[in-house]
Amino acid sequence: RIIVWDVDSFKVVKDIAMDYEVSVAAVNPQRTRIVTGGKSDLLIRSCEFESGKELEVHKGHHGPVHDACFSPDGEVYATGSEDGTVRLWQSNPGSAYGLWQLRKI
C-alpha cells in the first residue's frame, strides 16, 4: 500500500493498494509517476500516479531496496539497496540525459 501525503497540508493525496510489499516509494515532481522498491522481490517498479498502473519493472539490486528519489526535473531516479549499491534509472529510456548521452569522438 502506498499513501502519498501533501507536505504542506498533511492531507492524504493518494492511497493506492499494491499487490506486493512496498518498502519505499517516491513521487516525481510532476506527480505523474511513482517508483517503488521492495524488501522481498528486489524489483524496482514504476507506476502511473493517478491509476497506480504498473509501467515498468527493473531488476538490478541484490538486496532489499530501502531508498528511492527523483531528480528535481523528474528525468532520472535513484534507488538504494541493502546490497550497498545506488542505481540510476531514466524516467524516459532512450532520451539524452547526462551520463547517457553518447558523443562521437
PDB file of N, CA and C in Angstrom:
ATOM      1  N   ARG A   1       0.845  -1.178   0.000  1.00  0.00           N
ATOM      2  CA  ARG A   1       0.000   0.000   0.000  1.00  0.00           C
ATOM      3  C   ARG A   1       0.892   1.243   0.000  1.00  0.00           C
ATOM      4  N   ILE A   2       0.516   2.205  -0.827  1.00  0.00           N
ATOM      5  CA  ILE A   2       1.250   3.466  -0.897  1.00  0.00           C
ATOM      6  C   ILE A   2       0.307   4.591  -0.504  1.00  0.00           C
ATOM      7  N   ILE A   3       0.731   5.379   0.461  1.00  0.00           N
ATOM      8  CA  ILE A   3      -0.035   6.559   0.864  1.00  0.00           C
ATOM      9  C   ILE A   3       0.837   7.775   0.598  1.00  0.00           C
ATOM     10  N   VAL A   4       0.319   8.711  -0.209  1.00  0.00           N
ATOM     11  CA  VAL A   4       1.047   9.937  -0.540  1.00  0.00           C
ATOM     12  C   VAL A   4       0.407  11.081   0.217  1.00  0.00           C
ATOM     13  N   TRP A   5       1.244  11.811   0.964  1.00  0.00           N
ATOM     14  CA  TRP A   5       0.780  12.939   1.766  1.00  0.00           C
ATOM     15  C   TRP A   5       1.234  14.251   1.146  1.00  0.00           C
ATOM     16  N   ASP A   6       0.416  15.289   1.251  1.00  0.00           N
ATOM     17  CA  ASP A   6       0.826  16.640   0.887  1.00  0.00           C
ATOM     18  C   ASP A   6       1.614  17.195   2.068  1.00  0.00           C
ATOM     19  N   VAL A   7       2.851  17.608   1.833  1.00  0.00           N
ATOM     20  CA  VAL A   7       3.711  18.034   2.944  1.00  0.00           C
ATOM     21  C   VAL A   7       3.296  19.370   3.539  1.00  0.00           C
ATOM     22  N   ASP A   8       2.533  20.180   2.815  1.00  0.00           N
ATOM     23  CA  ASP A   8       2.087  21.465   3.344  1.00  0.00           C
ATOM     24  C   ASP A   8       0.819  21.339   4.183  1.00  0.00           C
ATOM     25  N   SER A   9      -0.142  20.551   3.689  1.00  0.00           N
ATOM     26  CA  SER A   9      -1.425  20.438   4.381  1.00  0.00           C
ATOM     27  C   SER A   9      -1.534  19.193   5.256  1.00  0.00           C
ATOM     28  N   PHE A  10      -0.596  18.249   5.095  1.00  0.00           N
ATOM     29  CA  PHE A  10      -0.625  16.962   5.804  1.00  0.00           C
ATOM     30  C   PHE A  10      -1.878  16.151   5.489  1.00  0.00           C
ATOM     31  N   LYS A  11      -2.446  16.382   4.306  1.00  0.00           N
ATOM     32  CA  LYS A  11      -3.615  15.616   3.857  1.00  0.00           C
ATOM     33  C   LYS A  11      -3.166  14.519   2.905  1.00  0.00           C
ATOM     34  N   VAL A  12      -3.918  13.417   2.912  1.00  0.00           N
ATOM     35  CA  VAL A  12      -3.631  12.310   2.004  1.00  0.00           C
ATOM     36  C   VAL A  12      -4.035  12.727   0.593  1.00  0.00           C
ATOM     37  N   VAL A  13      -3.074  12.633  -0.325  1.00  0.00           N
ATOM     38  CA  VAL A  13      -3.311  12.977  -1.726  1.00  0.00           C
ATOM     39  C   VAL A  13      -3.696  11.740  -2.520  1.00  0.00           C
ATOM     40  N   LYS A  14      -3.089  10.609  -2.176  1.00  0.00           N
ATOM     41  CA  LYS A  14      -3.312   9.372  -2.914  1.00  0.00           C
ATOM     42  C   LYS A  14      -3.124   8.195  -1.981  1.00  0.00           C
ATOM     43  N   ASP A  15      -3.970   7.181  -2.142  1.00  0.00           N
ATOM     44  CA  ASP A  15      -3.883   5.943  -1.374  1.00  0.00           C
ATOM     45  C   ASP A  15      -4.066   4.802  -2.372  1.00  0.00           C
ATOM     46  N   ILE A  16      -2.981   4.067  -2.633  1.00  0.00           N
ATOM     47  CA  ILE A  16      -3.013   3.025  -3.659  1.00  0.00           C
ATOM     48  C   ILE A  16      -2.680   1.672  -3.034  1.00  0.00           C
ATOM     49  N   ALA A  17      -3.545   0.699  -3.258  1.00  0.00           N
ATOM     50  CA  ALA A  17      -3.283  -0.672  -2.812  1.00  0.00           C
ATOM     51  C   ALA A  17      -2.390  -1.342  -3.858  1.00  0.00           C
ATOM     52  N   MET A  18      -1.330  -1.992  -3.407  1.00  0.00           N
ATOM     53  CA  MET A  18      -0.410  -2.678  -4.316  1.00  0.00           C
ATOM     54  C   MET A  18      -0.492  -4.181  -4.067  1.00  0.00           C
ATOM     55  N   ASP A  19      -0.125  -4.973  -5.098  1.00  0.00           N
ATOM     56  CA  ASP A  19      -0.169  -6.432  -4.998  1.00  0.00           C
ATOM     57  C   ASP A  19       1.128  -7.019  -4.431  1.00  0.00           C
ATOM     58  N   TYR A  20       2.016  -6.159  -3.968  1.00  0.00           N
ATOM     59  CA  TYR A  20       3.317  -6.604  -3.477  1.00  0.00           C
ATOM     60  C   TYR A  20       3.723  -5.728  -2.295  1.00  0.00           C
ATOM     61  N   GLU A  21       4.713  -6.199  -1.552  1.00  0.00           N
ATOM     62  CA  GLU A  21       5.198  -5.470  -0.382  1.00  0.00           C
ATOM     63  C   GLU A  21       6.068  -4.292  -0.830  1.00  0.00           C
ATOM     64  N   VAL A  22       5.708  -3.095  -0.419  1.00  0.00           N
ATOM     65  CA  VAL A  22       6.455  -1.885  -0.764  1.00  0.00           C
ATOM     66  C   VAL A  22       7.252  -1.440   0.453  1.00  0.00           C
ATOM     67  N   SER A  23       8.568  -1.266   0.257  1.00  0.00           N
ATOM     68  CA  SER A  23       9.387  -0.779   1.364  1.00  0.00           C
ATOM     69  C   SER A  23       9.727   0.702   1.204  1.00  0.00           C
ATOM     70  N   VAL A  24       9.652   1.212  -0.034  1.00  0.00           N
ATOM     71  CA  VAL A  24       9.932   2.624  -0.288  1.00  0.00           C
ATOM     72  C   VAL A  24       9.175   3.063  -1.539  1.00  0.00           C
ATOM     73  N   ALA A  25       8.783   4.323  -1.554  1.00  0.00           N
ATOM     74  CA  ALA A  25       8.119   4.896  -2.735  1.00  0.00           C
ATOM     75  C   ALA A  25       8.559   6.344  -2.890  1.00  0.00           C
ATOM     76  N   ALA A  26       8.652   6.796  -4.131  1.00  0.00           N
ATOM     77  CA  ALA A  26       8.977   8.185  -4.433  1.00  0.00           C
ATOM     78  C   ALA A  26       8.062   8.666  -5.550  1.00  0.00           C
ATOM     79  N   VAL A  27       7.622   9.914  -5.452  1.00  0.00           N
ATOM     80  CA  VAL A  27       6.752  10.522  -6.458  1.00  0.00           C
ATOM     81  C   VAL A  27       7.580  11.547  -7.226  1.00  0.00           C
ATOM     82  N   ASN A  28       7.448  11.542  -8.566  1.00  0.00           N
ATOM     83  CA  ASN A  28       8.203  12.526  -9.337  1.00  0.00           C
ATOM     84  C   ASN A  28       7.617  13.923  -9.126  1.00  0.00           C
ATOM     85  N   PRO A  29       8.393  14.977  -9.409  1.00  0.00           N
ATOM     86  CA  PRO A  29       7.929  16.343  -9.148  1.00  0.00           C
ATOM     87  C   PRO A  29       6.650  16.717  -9.913  1.00  0.00           C
ATOM     88  N   GLN A  30       6.418  16.100 -11.042  1.00  0.00           N
ATOM     89  CA  GLN A  30       5.231  16.397 -11.841  1.00  0.00           C
ATOM     90  C   GLN A  30       3.980  15.652 -11.355  1.00  0.00           C
ATOM     91  N   ARG A  31       4.162  14.779 -10.381  1.00  0.00           N
ATOM     92  CA  ARG A  31       3.077  13.937  -9.849  1.00  0.00           C
ATOM     93  C   ARG A  31       2.400  13.110 -10.941  1.00  0.00           C
ATOM     94  N   THR A  32       3.227  12.516 -11.804  1.00  0.00           N
ATOM     95  CA  THR A  32       2.708  11.643 -12.846  1.00  0.00           C
ATOM     96  C   THR A  32       3.189  10.207 -12.682  1.00  0.00           C
ATOM     97  N   ARG A  33       4.213  10.002 -11.841  1.00  0.00           N
ATOM     98  CA  ARG A  33       4.809   8.681 -11.705  1.00  0.00           C
ATOM     99  C   ARG A  33       5.225   8.420 -10.265  1.00  0.00           C
ATOM    100  N   ILE A  34       5.078   7.167  -9.858  1.00  0.00           N
ATOM    101  CA  ILE A  34       5.547   6.694  -8.556  1.00  0.00           C
ATOM    102  C   ILE A  34       6.528   5.560  -8.815  1.00  0.00           C
ATOM    103  N   VAL A  35       7.639   5.576  -8.111  1.00  0.00           N
ATOM    104  CA  VAL A  35       8.616   4.495  -8.190  1.00  0.00           C
ATOM    105  C   VAL A  35       8.625   3.792  -6.840  1.00  0.00           C
ATOM    106  N   THR A  36       8.589   2.470  -6.868  1.00  0.00           N
ATOM    107  CA  THR A  36       8.587   1.701  -5.628  1.00  0.00           C
ATOM    108  C   THR A  36       9.727   0.685  -5.618  1.00  0.00           C
ATOM    109  N   GLY A  37      10.154   0.340  -4.422  1.00  0.00           N
ATOM    110  CA  GLY A  37      11.130  -0.716  -4.221  1.00  0.00           C
ATOM    111  C   GLY A  37      10.604  -1.663  -3.164  1.00  0.00           C
ATOM    112  N   GLY A  38      11.063  -2.910  -3.232  1.00  0.00           N
ATOM    113  CA  GLY A  38      10.561  -3.908  -2.297  1.00  0.00           C
ATOM    114  C   GLY A  38      11.649  -4.559  -1.459  1.00  0.00           C
ATOM    115  N   LYS A  39      11.219  -5.182  -0.374  1.00  0.00           N
ATOM    116  CA  LYS A  39      12.139  -5.897   0.512  1.00  0.00           C
ATOM    117  C   LYS A  39      12.388  -7.316   0.026  1.00  0.00           C
ATOM    118  N   SER A  40      11.342  -7.965  -0.464  1.00  0.00           N
ATOM    119  CA  SER A  40      11.478  -9.385  -0.761  1.00  0.00           C
ATOM    120  C   SER A  40      11.735  -9.698  -2.235  1.00  0.00           C
ATOM    121  N   ASP A  41      11.121  -8.962  -3.169  1.00  0.00           N
ATOM    122  CA  ASP A  41      11.315  -9.328  -4.576  1.00  0.00           C
ATOM    123  C   ASP A  41      12.459  -8.558  -5.237  1.00  0.00           C
ATOM    124  N   LEU A  42      13.016  -7.539  -4.581  1.00  0.00           N
ATOM    125  CA  LEU A  42      14.183  -6.779  -5.030  1.00  0.00           C
ATOM    126  C   LEU A  42      13.957  -6.024  -6.339  1.00  0.00           C
ATOM    127  N   LEU A  43      12.719  -5.844  -6.745  1.00  0.00           N
ATOM    128  CA  LEU A  43      12.403  -5.176  -8.010  1.00  0.00           C
ATOM    129  C   LEU A  43      12.112  -3.691  -7.803  1.00  0.00           C
ATOM    130  N   ILE A  44      12.369  -2.911  -8.845  1.00  0.00           N
ATOM    131  CA  ILE A  44      12.002  -1.509  -8.888  1.00  0.00           C
ATOM    132  C   ILE A  44      10.833  -1.409  -9.856  1.00  0.00           C
ATOM    133  N   ARG A  45       9.737  -0.822  -9.393  1.00  0.00           N
ATOM    134  CA  ARG A  45       8.557  -0.694 -10.249  1.00  0.00           C
ATOM    135  C   ARG A  45       8.227   0.784 -10.440  1.00  0.00           C
ATOM    136  N   SER A  46       7.842   1.114 -11.663  1.00  0.00           N
ATOM    137  CA  SER A  46       7.410   2.463 -11.995  1.00  0.00           C
ATOM    138  C   SER A  46       5.926   2.385 -12.330  1.00  0.00           C
ATOM    139  N   CYS A  47       5.132   3.238 -11.699  1.00  0.00           N
ATOM    140  CA  CYS A  47       3.678   3.204 -11.858  1.00  0.00           C
ATOM    141  C   CYS A  47       3.130   4.592 -12.165  1.00  0.00           C
ATOM    142  N   GLU A  48       1.972   4.631 -12.835  1.00  0.00           N
ATOM    143  CA  GLU A  48       1.277   5.899 -13.044  1.00  0.00           C
ATOM    144  C   GLU A  48       0.789   6.415 -11.699  1.00  0.00           C
ATOM    145  N   PHE A  49       0.904   7.707 -11.475  1.00  0.00           N
ATOM    146  CA  PHE A  49       0.479   8.295 -10.204  1.00  0.00           C
ATOM    147  C   PHE A  49      -1.034   8.199 -10.025  1.00  0.00           C
ATOM    148  N   GLU A  50      -1.792   8.545 -11.044  1.00  0.00           N
ATOM    149  CA  GLU A  50      -3.255   8.589 -10.905  1.00  0.00           C
ATOM    150  C   GLU A  50      -3.881   7.214 -10.708  1.00  0.00           C
ATOM    151  N   SER A  51      -3.493   6.259 -11.547  1.00  0.00           N
ATOM    152  CA  SER A  51      -4.160   4.953 -11.531  1.00  0.00           C
ATOM    153  C   SER A  51      -3.419   3.879 -10.738  1.00  0.00           C
ATOM    154  N   GLY A  52      -2.111   4.055 -10.545  1.00  0.00           N
ATOM    155  CA  GLY A  52      -1.309   3.013  -9.913  1.00  0.00           C
ATOM    156  C   GLY A  52      -0.911   1.918 -10.885  1.00  0.00           C
ATOM    157  N   LYS A  53      -1.263   2.078 -12.166  1.00  0.00           N
ATOM    158  CA  LYS A  53      -0.943   1.075 -13.188  1.00  0.00           C
ATOM    159  C   LYS A  53       0.570   0.950 -13.345  1.00  0.00           C
ATOM    160  N   GLU A  54       1.041  -0.290 -13.346  1.00  0.00           N
ATOM    161  CA  GLU A  54       2.466  -0.557 -13.484  1.00  0.00           C
ATOM    162  C   GLU A  54       2.919  -0.271 -14.909  1.00  0.00           C
ATOM    163  N   LEU A  55       3.976   0.547 -15.054  1.00  0.00           N
ATOM    164  CA  LEU A  55       4.513   0.908 -16.360  1.00  0.00           C
ATOM    165  C   LEU A  55       5.774   0.126 -16.708  1.00  0.00           C
ATOM    166  N   GLU A  56       6.666  -0.034 -15.732  1.00  0.00           N
ATOM    167  CA  GLU A  56       7.945  -0.703 -15.953  1.00  0.00           C
ATOM    168  C   GLU A  56       8.355  -1.469 -14.705  1.00  0.00           C
ATOM    169  N   VAL A  57       9.138  -2.513 -14.918  1.00  0.00           N
ATOM    170  CA  VAL A  57       9.738  -3.268 -13.817  1.00  0.00           C
ATOM    171  C   VAL A  57      11.216  -3.423 -14.131  1.00  0.00           C
ATOM    172  N   HIS A  58      12.067  -3.094 -13.161  1.00  0.00           N
ATOM    173  CA  HIS A  58      13.513  -3.176 -13.353  1.00  0.00           C
ATOM    174  C   HIS A  58      14.135  -4.127 -12.335  1.00  0.00           C
ATOM    175  N   LYS A  59      15.136  -4.865 -12.787  1.00  0.00           N
ATOM    176  CA  LYS A  59      15.955  -5.710 -11.924  1.00  0.00           C
ATOM    177  C   LYS A  59      17.338  -5.090 -11.852  1.00  0.00           C
ATOM    178  N   GLY A  60      18.056  -5.337 -10.780  1.00  0.00           N
ATOM    179  CA  GLY A  60      19.417  -4.833 -10.695  1.00  0.00           C
ATOM    180  C   GLY A  60      19.992  -4.897  -9.296  1.00  0.00           C
ATOM    181  N   HIS A  61      19.153  -4.744  -8.294  1.00  0.00           N
ATOM    182  CA  HIS A  61      19.647  -4.806  -6.925  1.00  0.00           C
ATOM    183  C   HIS A  61      19.690  -6.257  -6.445  1.00  0.00           C
ATOM    184  N   HIS A  62      20.629  -6.539  -5.546  1.00  0.00           N
ATOM    185  CA  HIS A  62      20.777  -7.888  -4.997  1.00  0.00           C
ATOM    186  C   HIS A  62      20.461  -7.929  -3.511  1.00  0.00           C
ATOM    187  N   GLY A  63      19.748  -6.919  -3.048  1.00  0.00           N
ATOM    188  CA  GLY A  63      19.318  -6.845  -1.664  1.00  0.00           C
ATOM    189  C   GLY A  63      18.064  -5.995  -1.593  1.00  0.00           C
ATOM    190  N   PRO A  64      17.389  -5.976  -0.457  1.00  0.00           N
ATOM    191  CA  PRO A  64      16.180  -5.173  -0.295  1.00  0.00           C
ATOM    192  C   PRO A  64      16.428  -3.704  -0.646  1.00  0.00           C
ATOM    193  N   VAL A  65      15.442  -3.074  -1.259  1.00  0.00           N
ATOM    194  CA  VAL A  65      15.539  -1.676  -1.668  1.00  0.00           C
ATOM    195  C   VAL A  65      14.930  -0.813  -0.572  1.00  0.00           C
ATOM    196  N   HIS A  66      15.722   0.129  -0.056  1.00  0.00           N
ATOM    197  CA  HIS A  66      15.286   0.944   1.071  1.00  0.00           C
ATOM    198  C   HIS A  66      15.167   2.430   0.759  1.00  0.00           C
ATOM    199  N   ASP A  67      15.602   2.855  -0.445  1.00  0.00           N
ATOM    200  CA  ASP A  67      15.559   4.283  -0.747  1.00  0.00           C
ATOM    201  C   ASP A  67      15.268   4.502  -2.220  1.00  0.00           C
ATOM    202  N   ALA A  68      14.529   5.577  -2.517  1.00  0.00           N
ATOM    203  CA  ALA A  68      14.233   5.982  -3.890  1.00  0.00           C
ATOM    204  C   ALA A  68      14.024   7.485  -3.904  1.00  0.00           C
ATOM    205  N   CYS A  69      14.508   8.126  -4.971  1.00  0.00           N
ATOM    206  CA  CYS A  69      14.399   9.577  -5.056  1.00  0.00           C
ATOM    207  C   CYS A  69      14.490  10.008  -6.517  1.00  0.00           C
ATOM    208  N   PHE A  70      13.663  10.977  -6.909  1.00  0.00           N
ATOM    209  CA  PHE A  70      13.715  11.545  -8.255  1.00  0.00           C
ATOM    210  C   PHE A  70      14.628  12.753  -8.290  1.00  0.00           C
ATOM    211  N   SER A  71      15.222  13.007  -9.444  1.00  0.00           N
ATOM    212  CA  SER A  71      15.954  14.251  -9.668  1.00  0.00           C
ATOM    213  C   SER A  71      14.928  15.388  -9.713  1.00  0.00           C
ATOM    214  N   PRO A  72      15.353  16.630  -9.503  1.00  0.00           N
ATOM    215  CA  PRO A  72      14.406  17.749  -9.496  1.00  0.00           C
ATOM    216  C   PRO A  72      13.584  17.892 -10.780  1.00  0.00           C
ATOM    217  N   ASP A  73      14.151  17.490 -11.927  1.00  0.00           N
ATOM    218  CA  ASP A  73      13.391  17.594 -13.177  1.00  0.00           C
ATOM    219  C   ASP A  73      12.587  16.327 -13.469  1.00  0.00           C
ATOM    220  N   GLY A  74      12.725  15.287 -12.652  1.00  0.00           N
ATOM    221  CA  GLY A  74      11.959  14.060 -12.816  1.00  0.00           C
ATOM    222  C   GLY A  74      12.461  13.138 -13.912  1.00  0.00           C
ATOM    223  N   GLU A  75      13.560  13.492 -14.567  1.00  0.00           N
ATOM    224  CA  GLU A  75      14.074  12.696 -15.688  1.00  0.00           C
ATOM    225  C   GLU A  75      14.839  11.452 -15.249  1.00  0.00           C
ATOM    226  N   VAL A  76      15.370  11.468 -14.037  1.00  0.00           N
ATOM    227  CA  VAL A  76      16.167  10.361 -13.521  1.00  0.00           C
ATOM    228  C   VAL A  76      15.715  10.070 -12.093  1.00  0.00           C
ATOM    229  N   TYR A  77      15.754   8.798 -11.727  1.00  0.00           N
ATOM    230  CA  TYR A  77      15.526   8.470 -10.321  1.00  0.00           C
ATOM    231  C   TYR A  77      16.610   7.502  -9.856  1.00  0.00           C
ATOM    232  N   ALA A  78      16.883   7.562  -8.581  1.00  0.00           N
ATOM    233  CA  ALA A  78      17.907   6.716  -7.970  1.00  0.00           C
ATOM    234  C   ALA A  78      17.238   5.794  -6.970  1.00  0.00           C
ATOM    235  N   THR A  79      17.774   4.577  -6.872  1.00  0.00           N
ATOM    236  CA  THR A  79      17.309   3.639  -5.861  1.00  0.00           C
ATOM    237  C   THR A  79      18.523   3.123  -5.098  1.00  0.00           C
ATOM    238  N   GLY A  80      18.354   2.936  -3.807  1.00  0.00           N
ATOM    239  CA  GLY A  80      19.428   2.447  -2.953  1.00  0.00           C
ATOM    240  C   GLY A  80      19.036   1.151  -2.292  1.00  0.00           C
ATOM    241  N   SER A  81      19.990   0.256  -2.200  1.00  0.00           N
ATOM    242  CA  SER A  81      19.709  -1.083  -1.703  1.00  0.00           C
ATOM    243  C   SER A  81      20.635  -1.473  -0.566  1.00  0.00           C
ATOM    244  N   GLU A  82      20.179  -2.456   0.178  1.00  0.00           N
ATOM    245  CA  GLU A  82      20.972  -3.040   1.257  1.00  0.00           C
ATOM    246  C   GLU A  82      22.225  -3.734   0.719  1.00  0.00           C
ATOM    247  N   ASP A  83      22.273  -3.973  -0.599  1.00  0.00           N
ATOM    248  CA  ASP A  83      23.461  -4.590  -1.195  1.00  0.00           C
ATOM    249  C   ASP A  83      24.624  -3.598  -1.329  1.00  0.00           C
ATOM    250  N   GLY A  84      24.406  -2.349  -0.898  1.00  0.00           N
ATOM    251  CA  GLY A  84      25.451  -1.336  -0.926  1.00  0.00           C
ATOM    252  C   GLY A  84      25.534  -0.556  -2.228  1.00  0.00           C
ATOM    253  N   THR A  85      24.535  -0.714  -3.106  1.00  0.00           N
ATOM    254  CA  THR A  85      24.573  -0.015  -4.385  1.00  0.00           C
ATOM    255  C   THR A  85      23.479   1.040  -4.487  1.00  0.00           C
ATOM    256  N   VAL A  86      23.768   2.045  -5.309  1.00  0.00           N
ATOM    257  CA  VAL A  86      22.777   3.032  -5.731  1.00  0.00           C
ATOM    258  C   VAL A  86      22.710   2.922  -7.240  1.00  0.00           C
ATOM    259  N   ARG A  87      21.522   2.770  -7.770  1.00  0.00           N
ATOM    260  CA  ARG A  87      21.353   2.656  -9.220  1.00  0.00           C
ATOM    261  C   ARG A  87      20.565   3.846  -9.731  1.00  0.00           C
ATOM    262  N   LEU A  88      20.952   4.314 -10.913  1.00  0.00           N
ATOM    263  CA  LEU A  88      20.254   5.408 -11.567  1.00  0.00           C
ATOM    264  C   LEU A  88      19.443   4.852 -12.729  1.00  0.00           C
ATOM    265  N   TRP A  89      18.208   5.342 -12.856  1.00  0.00           N
ATOM    266  CA  TRP A  89      17.289   4.878 -13.886  1.00  0.00           C
ATOM    267  C   TRP A  89      16.731   6.098 -14.612  1.00  0.00           C
ATOM    268  N   GLN A  90      16.536   5.990 -15.915  1.00  0.00           N
ATOM    269  CA  GLN A  90      15.920   7.057 -16.682  1.00  0.00           C
ATOM    270  C   GLN A  90      14.410   6.917 -16.621  1.00  0.00           C
ATOM    271  N   SER A  91      13.715   8.024 -16.429  1.00  0.00           N
ATOM    272  CA  SER A  91      12.256   8.002 -16.450  1.00  0.00           C
ATOM    273  C   SER A  91      11.739   7.754 -17.857  1.00  0.00           C
ATOM    274  N   ASN A  92      12.459   8.257 -18.849  1.00  0.00           N
ATOM    275  CA  ASN A  92      12.101   8.070 -20.260  1.00  0.00           C
ATOM    276  C   ASN A  92      13.300   7.458 -20.979  1.00  0.00           C
ATOM    277  N   PRO A  93      13.463   6.132 -20.904  1.00  0.00           N
ATOM    278  CA  PRO A  93      14.631   5.498 -21.518  1.00  0.00           C
ATOM    279  C   PRO A  93      14.784   5.884 -22.984  1.00  0.00           C
ATOM    280  N   GLY A  94      16.033   6.119 -23.359  1.00  0.00           N
ATOM    281  CA  GLY A  94      16.315   6.488 -24.737  1.00  0.00           C
ATOM    282  C   GLY A  94      16.517   7.983 -24.928  1.00  0.00           C
ATOM    283  N   SER A  95      16.053   8.777 -23.988  1.00  0.00           N
ATOM    284  CA  SER A  95      16.260  10.218 -24.108  1.00  0.00           C
ATOM    285  C   SER A  95      17.689  10.568 -23.687  1.00  0.00           C
ATOM    286  N   ALA A  96      18.234  11.596 -24.280  1.00  0.00           N
ATOM    287  CA  ALA A  96      19.586  12.031 -23.937  1.00  0.00           C
ATOM    288  C   ALA A  96      19.538  12.754 -22.599  1.00  0.00           C
ATOM    289  N   TYR A  97      20.355  12.299 -21.659  1.00  0.00           N
ATOM    290  CA  TYR A  97      20.377  12.922 -20.341  1.00  0.00           C
ATOM    291  C   TYR A  97      21.691  12.584 -19.665  1.00  0.00           C
ATOM    292  N   GLY A  98      22.444  13.578 -19.306  1.00  0.00           N
ATOM    293  CA  GLY A  98      23.666  13.394 -18.518  1.00  0.00           C
ATOM    294  C   GLY A  98      24.567  12.285 -19.005  1.00  0.00           C
ATOM    295  N   LEU A  99      24.824  11.313 -18.173  1.00  0.00           N
ATOM    296  CA  LEU A  99      25.762  10.250 -18.480  1.00  0.00           C
ATOM    297  C   LEU A  99      25.306   9.339 -19.606  1.00  0.00           C
ATOM    298  N   TRP A 100      24.048   9.374 -19.968  1.00  0.00           N
ATOM    299  CA  TRP A 100      23.543   8.510 -21.018  1.00  0.00           C
ATOM    300  C   TRP A 100      23.754   9.093 -22.417  1.00  0.00           C
ATOM    301  N   GLN A 101      24.224  10.308 -22.506  1.00  0.00           N
ATOM    302  CA  GLN A 101      24.389  10.959 -23.801  1.00  0.00           C
ATOM    303  C   GLN A 101      25.661  10.434 -24.477  1.00  0.00           C
ATOM    304  N   LEU A 102      25.512   9.879 -25.662  1.00  0.00           N
ATOM    305  CA  LEU A 102      26.625   9.322 -26.406  1.00  0.00           C
ATOM    306  C   LEU A 102      27.226  10.412 -27.285  1.00  0.00           C
ATOM    307  N   ARG A 103      28.542  10.557 -27.191  1.00  0.00           N
ATOM    308  CA  ARG A 103      29.244  11.549 -28.026  1.00  0.00           C
ATOM    309  C   ARG A 103      30.200  10.821 -28.951  1.00  0.00           C
ATOM    310  N   LYS A 104      30.211  11.237 -30.201  1.00  0.00           N
ATOM    311  CA  LYS A 104      31.173  10.684 -31.144  1.00  0.00           C
ATOM    312  C   LYS A 104      32.481  11.445 -31.013  1.00  0.00           C
ATOM    313  N   ILE A 105      33.579  10.716 -31.056  1.00  0.00           N
ATOM    314  CA  ILE A 105      34.895  11.351 -30.941  1.00  0.00           C
ATOM    315  C   ILE A 105      35.568  11.394 -32.285  1.00  0.00           C
TER     316      ILE A 105
END
